[in-house]
Amino acid sequence: MRGQSSGLFVAGIALLLLAGGAETSALAQRYHNFENVRDIVQRTQDDLSQVRSQGLRNDKERERLDNARKHLSDFDRNLSKNKFDKGRLDSAIDDVKNVVENNTLEARDRDALTKDLADLRRVRALRGE
């Protein structure tokens, strides 16, 4: 009886590991399609535009925002040519992070950009071989 329980336990663990691997594989497949990645980039660009439309306090805030928008645009341009440029994505992530940490933002804008950052980092982790 004990041997059967042990075997079932091992089989259960194996199934959980396979399911977890399948989930990771599904996420990787989701981001393998550049259109999904481009949707995330576009959403981030839209959120940055929302921040810009509310006005910026000084030239440093404008510079941080413009840098983030430019690097996202450069990354997206490469994606449109089926090239995943992890260096440009890293720059964009750093720039968006800089906006979140240093610009004066409304709570909803900070939350939206923080979600964008998490999604961009997830793309980087799954695609940035």
N, C-alpha and C. Protein backbone atom coordinates (compact mmCIF):
# COMPACT_ATOMS: atom_id res chain seq x y z
N MET A 1 0.82 -1.19 0.00
CA MET A 1 0.00 0.00 0.00
C MET A 1 0.86 1.25 0.00
N ARG A 2 1.93 1.19 0.80
CA ARG A 2 2.80 2.36 0.89
C ARG A 2 3.50 2.61 -0.45
N GLY A 3 3.88 1.56 -1.14
CA GLY A 3 4.54 1.68 -2.44
C GLY A 3 3.64 2.33 -3.48
N GLN A 4 2.34 1.99 -3.43
CA GLN A 4 1.39 2.59 -4.36
C GLN A 4 1.24 4.09 -4.08
N SER A 5 1.16 4.47 -2.81
CA SER A 5 1.03 5.88 -2.44
C SER A 5 2.24 6.66 -2.91
N SER A 6 3.38 6.08 -2.72
CA SER A 6 4.62 6.73 -3.13
C SER A 6 4.65 6.91 -4.65
N GLY A 7 4.23 5.89 -5.37
CA GLY A 7 4.20 5.97 -6.83
C GLY A 7 3.22 7.03 -7.31
N LEU A 8 2.06 7.09 -6.67
CA LEU A 8 1.06 8.11 -7.03
C LEU A 8 1.58 9.51 -6.75
N PHE A 9 2.29 9.64 -5.63
CA PHE A 9 2.85 10.95 -5.27
C PHE A 9 3.84 11.41 -6.35
N VAL A 10 4.73 10.52 -6.74
CA VAL A 10 5.73 10.84 -7.77
C VAL A 10 5.04 11.17 -9.09
N ALA A 11 4.02 10.40 -9.44
CA ALA A 11 3.28 10.67 -10.68
C ALA A 11 2.61 12.04 -10.62
N GLY A 12 2.05 12.36 -9.44
CA GLY A 12 1.40 13.67 -9.27
C GLY A 12 2.39 14.82 -9.44
N ILE A 13 3.56 14.66 -8.85
CA ILE A 13 4.61 15.69 -8.98
C ILE A 13 5.01 15.84 -10.44
N ALA A 14 5.18 14.72 -11.13
CA ALA A 14 5.56 14.76 -12.54
C ALA A 14 4.51 15.51 -13.36
N LEU A 15 3.24 15.27 -13.10
CA LEU A 15 2.18 15.97 -13.82
C LEU A 15 2.20 17.46 -13.53
N LEU A 16 2.44 17.82 -12.28
CA LEU A 16 2.53 19.25 -11.94
C LEU A 16 3.68 19.92 -12.66
N LEU A 17 4.81 19.25 -12.72
CA LEU A 17 5.97 19.80 -13.42
C LEU A 17 5.69 19.94 -14.90
N LEU A 18 5.05 18.95 -15.49
CA LEU A 18 4.69 19.04 -16.91
C LEU A 18 3.71 20.17 -17.15
N ALA A 19 2.74 20.33 -16.28
CA ALA A 19 1.76 21.41 -16.42
C ALA A 19 2.45 22.77 -16.31
N GLY A 20 3.37 22.89 -15.37
CA GLY A 20 4.11 24.15 -15.22
C GLY A 20 4.95 24.44 -16.44
N GLY A 21 5.56 23.42 -16.99
CA GLY A 21 6.35 23.58 -18.22
C GLY A 21 5.48 23.97 -19.38
N ALA A 22 4.28 23.39 -19.45
CA ALA A 22 3.35 23.73 -20.52
C ALA A 22 2.91 25.18 -20.40
N GLU A 23 2.70 25.64 -19.16
CA GLU A 23 2.30 27.03 -18.95
C GLU A 23 3.40 27.98 -19.41
N THR A 24 4.64 27.68 -19.03
CA THR A 24 5.77 28.51 -19.46
C THR A 24 5.90 28.49 -20.97
N SER A 25 5.72 27.31 -21.55
CA SER A 25 5.80 27.19 -23.00
C SER A 25 4.69 28.00 -23.67
N ALA A 26 3.50 27.98 -23.10
CA ALA A 26 2.39 28.76 -23.66
C ALA A 26 2.70 30.26 -23.60
N LEU A 27 3.28 30.71 -22.49
CA LEU A 27 3.66 32.12 -22.38
C LEU A 27 4.72 32.47 -23.42
N ALA A 28 5.69 31.59 -23.57
CA ALA A 28 6.75 31.84 -24.56
C ALA A 28 6.16 31.91 -25.96
N GLN A 29 5.23 31.00 -26.28
CA GLN A 29 4.58 31.03 -27.58
C GLN A 29 3.82 32.33 -27.78
N ARG A 30 3.15 32.79 -26.71
CA ARG A 30 2.38 34.01 -26.79
C ARG A 30 3.26 35.19 -27.17
N TYR A 31 4.47 35.23 -26.62
CA TYR A 31 5.36 36.35 -26.91
C TYR A 31 6.24 36.09 -28.11
N HIS A 32 6.21 34.86 -28.64
CA HIS A 32 6.97 34.58 -29.85
C HIS A 32 6.37 35.35 -31.02
N ASN A 33 5.07 35.52 -30.99
CA ASN A 33 4.37 36.28 -32.01
C ASN A 33 4.63 37.76 -31.73
N PHE A 34 5.33 38.43 -32.61
CA PHE A 34 5.71 39.82 -32.38
C PHE A 34 4.51 40.76 -32.30
N GLU A 35 3.37 40.37 -32.88
CA GLU A 35 2.19 41.22 -32.78
C GLU A 35 1.78 41.42 -31.33
N ASN A 36 1.86 40.37 -30.53
CA ASN A 36 1.52 40.50 -29.11
C ASN A 36 2.49 41.44 -28.41
N VAL A 37 3.75 41.34 -28.74
CA VAL A 37 4.76 42.23 -28.15
C VAL A 37 4.51 43.66 -28.61
N ARG A 38 4.17 43.82 -29.87
CA ARG A 38 3.91 45.16 -30.39
C ARG A 38 2.68 45.78 -29.72
N ASP A 39 1.71 44.96 -29.33
CA ASP A 39 0.54 45.47 -28.59
C ASP A 39 0.97 46.03 -27.24
N ILE A 40 1.89 45.36 -26.57
CA ILE A 40 2.40 45.84 -25.28
C ILE A 40 3.15 47.15 -25.47
N VAL A 41 3.98 47.22 -26.51
CA VAL A 41 4.72 48.45 -26.81
C VAL A 41 3.75 49.58 -27.09
N GLN A 42 2.72 49.31 -27.87
CA GLN A 42 1.74 50.35 -28.20
C GLN A 42 1.00 50.84 -26.96
N ARG A 43 0.61 49.90 -26.10
CA ARG A 43 -0.07 50.29 -24.86
C ARG A 43 0.83 51.17 -24.00
N THR A 44 2.12 50.83 -23.95
CA THR A 44 3.08 51.63 -23.17
C THR A 44 3.21 53.02 -23.79
N GLN A 45 3.30 53.07 -25.12
CA GLN A 45 3.37 54.38 -25.81
C GLN A 45 2.12 55.21 -25.50
N ASP A 46 0.97 54.57 -25.51
CA ASP A 46 -0.28 55.28 -25.21
C ASP A 46 -0.27 55.83 -23.78
N ASP A 47 0.23 55.01 -22.85
CA ASP A 47 0.29 55.46 -21.45
C ASP A 47 1.27 56.62 -21.29
N LEU A 48 2.38 56.58 -22.00
CA LEU A 48 3.34 57.69 -21.96
C LEU A 48 2.74 58.95 -22.58
N SER A 49 1.97 58.78 -23.65
CA SER A 49 1.29 59.92 -24.28
C SER A 49 0.28 60.54 -23.33
N GLN A 50 -0.40 59.70 -22.57
CA GLN A 50 -1.36 60.18 -21.56
C GLN A 50 -0.65 61.06 -20.54
N VAL A 51 0.52 60.62 -20.09
CA VAL A 51 1.30 61.40 -19.13
C VAL A 51 1.69 62.75 -19.76
N ARG A 52 2.15 62.70 -20.99
CA ARG A 52 2.60 63.91 -21.67
C ARG A 52 1.45 64.90 -21.86
N SER A 53 0.26 64.38 -22.13
CA SER A 53 -0.90 65.27 -22.38
C SER A 53 -1.31 66.04 -21.13
N GLN A 54 -0.92 65.56 -19.97
CA GLN A 54 -1.26 66.24 -18.72
C GLN A 54 -0.27 67.35 -18.38
N GLY A 55 0.75 67.46 -19.18
CA GLY A 55 1.75 68.50 -18.94
C GLY A 55 2.89 67.99 -18.08
N LEU A 56 4.06 68.51 -18.34
CA LEU A 56 5.25 68.10 -17.60
C LEU A 56 5.77 69.30 -16.83
N ARG A 57 6.35 69.03 -15.70
CA ARG A 57 6.78 70.11 -14.81
C ARG A 57 8.06 70.80 -15.25
N ASN A 58 8.95 70.06 -15.91
CA ASN A 58 10.23 70.67 -16.29
C ASN A 58 10.86 69.91 -17.47
N ASP A 59 11.99 70.43 -17.92
CA ASP A 59 12.67 69.83 -19.07
C ASP A 59 13.18 68.41 -18.79
N LYS A 60 13.58 68.11 -17.55
CA LYS A 60 14.06 66.76 -17.22
C LYS A 60 12.93 65.74 -17.37
N GLU A 61 11.71 66.10 -16.93
CA GLU A 61 10.58 65.18 -17.09
C GLU A 61 10.30 64.94 -18.57
N ARG A 62 10.36 66.00 -19.36
CA ARG A 62 10.14 65.88 -20.80
C ARG A 62 11.22 65.01 -21.44
N GLU A 63 12.46 65.21 -21.04
CA GLU A 63 13.57 64.42 -21.59
C GLU A 63 13.41 62.93 -21.26
N ARG A 64 13.06 62.62 -20.00
CA ARG A 64 12.86 61.22 -19.62
C ARG A 64 11.75 60.59 -20.44
N LEU A 65 10.64 61.31 -20.61
CA LEU A 65 9.51 60.81 -21.37
C LEU A 65 9.88 60.61 -22.84
N ASP A 66 10.55 61.60 -23.42
CA ASP A 66 10.95 61.50 -24.83
C ASP A 66 11.92 60.34 -25.06
N ASN A 67 12.84 60.12 -24.13
CA ASN A 67 13.77 58.99 -24.26
C ASN A 67 13.02 57.67 -24.26
N ALA A 68 12.06 57.52 -23.36
CA ALA A 68 11.28 56.28 -23.29
C ALA A 68 10.50 56.07 -24.58
N ARG A 69 9.87 57.11 -25.07
CA ARG A 69 9.09 56.99 -26.31
C ARG A 69 9.98 56.65 -27.49
N LYS A 70 11.16 57.27 -27.57
CA LYS A 70 12.07 57.01 -28.69
C LYS A 70 12.57 55.57 -28.67
N HIS A 71 13.01 55.09 -27.50
CA HIS A 71 13.54 53.73 -27.44
C HIS A 71 12.45 52.68 -27.69
N LEU A 72 11.24 52.95 -27.22
CA LEU A 72 10.14 52.03 -27.54
C LEU A 72 9.85 52.03 -29.04
N SER A 73 9.89 53.21 -29.64
CA SER A 73 9.66 53.31 -31.08
C SER A 73 10.75 52.57 -31.87
N ASP A 74 12.00 52.74 -31.46
CA ASP A 74 13.12 52.03 -32.12
C ASP A 74 12.94 50.52 -31.99
N PHE A 75 12.58 50.05 -30.81
CA PHE A 75 12.37 48.63 -30.58
C PHE A 75 11.24 48.13 -31.47
N ASP A 76 10.14 48.88 -31.52
CA ASP A 76 8.98 48.49 -32.32
C ASP A 76 9.33 48.47 -33.81
N ARG A 77 10.11 49.42 -34.26
CA ARG A 77 10.52 49.46 -35.67
C ARG A 77 11.24 48.17 -36.04
N ASN A 78 12.12 47.70 -35.16
CA ASN A 78 12.82 46.44 -35.41
C ASN A 78 11.85 45.25 -35.39
N LEU A 79 10.90 45.27 -34.46
CA LEU A 79 9.91 44.19 -34.42
C LEU A 79 9.13 44.11 -35.72
N SER A 80 8.82 45.27 -36.30
CA SER A 80 8.06 45.28 -37.56
C SER A 80 8.85 44.63 -38.69
N LYS A 81 10.16 44.50 -38.50
CA LYS A 81 11.04 43.83 -39.47
C LYS A 81 11.42 42.43 -38.99
N ASN A 82 10.65 41.91 -38.01
CA ASN A 82 10.88 40.58 -37.42
C ASN A 82 12.24 40.44 -36.76
N LYS A 83 12.70 41.54 -36.15
CA LYS A 83 13.97 41.50 -35.41
C LYS A 83 13.70 41.89 -33.96
N PHE A 84 14.04 41.00 -33.05
CA PHE A 84 13.88 41.26 -31.63
C PHE A 84 15.22 41.78 -31.11
N ASP A 85 15.28 43.09 -30.84
CA ASP A 85 16.52 43.73 -30.40
C ASP A 85 16.48 43.91 -28.88
N LYS A 86 17.10 42.96 -28.17
CA LYS A 86 17.02 43.00 -26.71
C LYS A 86 17.73 44.22 -26.13
N GLY A 87 18.75 44.74 -26.79
CA GLY A 87 19.44 45.94 -26.32
C GLY A 87 18.52 47.15 -26.33
N ARG A 88 17.75 47.29 -27.40
CA ARG A 88 16.79 48.41 -27.48
C ARG A 88 15.67 48.23 -26.46
N LEU A 89 15.24 46.98 -26.26
CA LEU A 89 14.21 46.73 -25.26
C LEU A 89 14.74 47.07 -23.87
N ASP A 90 15.98 46.69 -23.58
CA ASP A 90 16.58 47.03 -22.28
C ASP A 90 16.61 48.54 -22.08
N SER A 91 16.97 49.28 -23.12
CA SER A 91 17.00 50.75 -23.03
C SER A 91 15.60 51.30 -22.76
N ALA A 92 14.62 50.76 -23.47
CA ALA A 92 13.24 51.21 -23.27
C ALA A 92 12.76 50.93 -21.86
N ILE A 93 13.06 49.73 -21.36
CA ILE A 93 12.67 49.37 -19.99
C ILE A 93 13.31 50.33 -18.99
N ASP A 94 14.60 50.59 -19.16
CA ASP A 94 15.29 51.52 -18.25
C ASP A 94 14.67 52.91 -18.31
N ASP A 95 14.31 53.35 -19.51
CA ASP A 95 13.73 54.69 -19.66
C ASP A 95 12.34 54.79 -19.04
N VAL A 96 11.50 53.77 -19.25
CA VAL A 96 10.16 53.79 -18.64
C VAL A 96 10.29 53.75 -17.13
N LYS A 97 11.22 52.94 -16.65
CA LYS A 97 11.47 52.86 -15.19
C LYS A 97 11.89 54.24 -14.66
N ASN A 98 12.71 54.94 -15.41
CA ASN A 98 13.17 56.27 -15.03
C ASN A 98 11.99 57.25 -14.95
N VAL A 99 11.05 57.15 -15.87
CA VAL A 99 9.86 57.99 -15.83
C VAL A 99 9.04 57.68 -14.58
N VAL A 100 8.82 56.39 -14.32
CA VAL A 100 8.02 55.99 -13.15
C VAL A 100 8.67 56.47 -11.85
N GLU A 101 9.98 56.34 -11.77
CA GLU A 101 10.67 56.67 -10.52
C GLU A 101 10.90 58.17 -10.31
N ASN A 102 10.98 58.94 -11.39
CA ASN A 102 11.42 60.33 -11.24
C ASN A 102 10.44 61.40 -11.70
N ASN A 103 9.46 61.04 -12.54
CA ASN A 103 8.50 62.05 -12.97
C ASN A 103 7.36 62.14 -11.96
N THR A 104 6.73 63.31 -11.91
CA THR A 104 5.55 63.51 -11.09
C THR A 104 4.37 62.93 -11.87
N LEU A 105 3.76 61.87 -11.33
CA LEU A 105 2.69 61.17 -12.03
C LEU A 105 1.46 61.06 -11.16
N GLU A 106 0.30 61.02 -11.80
CA GLU A 106 -0.92 60.70 -11.08
C GLU A 106 -0.89 59.20 -10.79
N ALA A 107 -1.60 58.80 -9.76
CA ALA A 107 -1.58 57.39 -9.32
C ALA A 107 -1.95 56.43 -10.45
N ARG A 108 -2.99 56.76 -11.21
CA ARG A 108 -3.41 55.84 -12.28
C ARG A 108 -2.35 55.72 -13.37
N ASP A 109 -1.64 56.82 -13.65
CA ASP A 109 -0.57 56.77 -14.65
C ASP A 109 0.61 55.95 -14.14
N ARG A 110 0.95 56.13 -12.88
CA ARG A 110 2.04 55.34 -12.28
C ARG A 110 1.69 53.85 -12.30
N ASP A 111 0.44 53.54 -11.96
CA ASP A 111 -0.01 52.14 -11.97
C ASP A 111 0.04 51.55 -13.38
N ALA A 112 -0.42 52.31 -14.36
CA ALA A 112 -0.43 51.83 -15.75
C ALA A 112 0.99 51.59 -16.24
N LEU A 113 1.89 52.54 -15.98
CA LEU A 113 3.28 52.38 -16.43
C LEU A 113 4.00 51.26 -15.67
N THR A 114 3.64 51.06 -14.42
CA THR A 114 4.23 49.96 -13.65
C THR A 114 3.80 48.62 -14.24
N LYS A 115 2.54 48.52 -14.66
CA LYS A 115 2.07 47.30 -15.33
C LYS A 115 2.78 47.12 -16.67
N ASP A 116 2.94 48.22 -17.40
CA ASP A 116 3.65 48.15 -18.67
C ASP A 116 5.08 47.64 -18.46
N LEU A 117 5.74 48.16 -17.43
CA LEU A 117 7.10 47.71 -17.13
C LEU A 117 7.14 46.22 -16.84
N ALA A 118 6.20 45.74 -16.06
CA ALA A 118 6.15 44.31 -15.75
C ALA A 118 5.98 43.48 -17.02
N ASP A 119 5.12 43.94 -17.92
CA ASP A 119 4.90 43.21 -19.17
C ASP A 119 6.12 43.26 -20.07
N LEU A 120 6.77 44.42 -20.15
CA LEU A 120 7.99 44.52 -20.95
C LEU A 120 9.10 43.63 -20.39
N ARG A 121 9.21 43.58 -19.08
CA ARG A 121 10.22 42.71 -18.45
C ARG A 121 9.90 41.24 -18.70
N ARG A 122 8.63 40.88 -18.70
CA ARG A 122 8.23 39.51 -18.97
C ARG A 122 8.60 39.15 -20.42
N VAL A 123 8.35 40.06 -21.33
CA VAL A 123 8.73 39.84 -22.74
C VAL A 123 10.23 39.63 -22.82
N ARG A 124 10.98 40.46 -22.12
CA ARG A 124 12.44 40.37 -22.11
C ARG A 124 12.90 39.02 -21.57
N ALA A 125 12.28 38.58 -20.49
CA ALA A 125 12.66 37.30 -19.89
C ALA A 125 12.34 36.12 -20.81
N LEU A 126 11.23 36.20 -21.52
CA LEU A 126 10.82 35.08 -22.36
C LEU A 126 11.45 35.10 -23.74
N ARG A 127 11.80 36.29 -24.25
CA ARG A 127 12.31 36.40 -25.61
C ARG A 127 13.78 36.81 -25.69
N GLY A 128 14.32 37.32 -24.63
CA GLY A 128 15.66 37.89 -24.72
C GLY A 128 16.77 36.90 -24.54
N GLU A 129 16.77 35.86 -25.34
CA GLU A 129 17.75 34.78 -25.23
C GLU A 129 19.15 35.28 -24.98
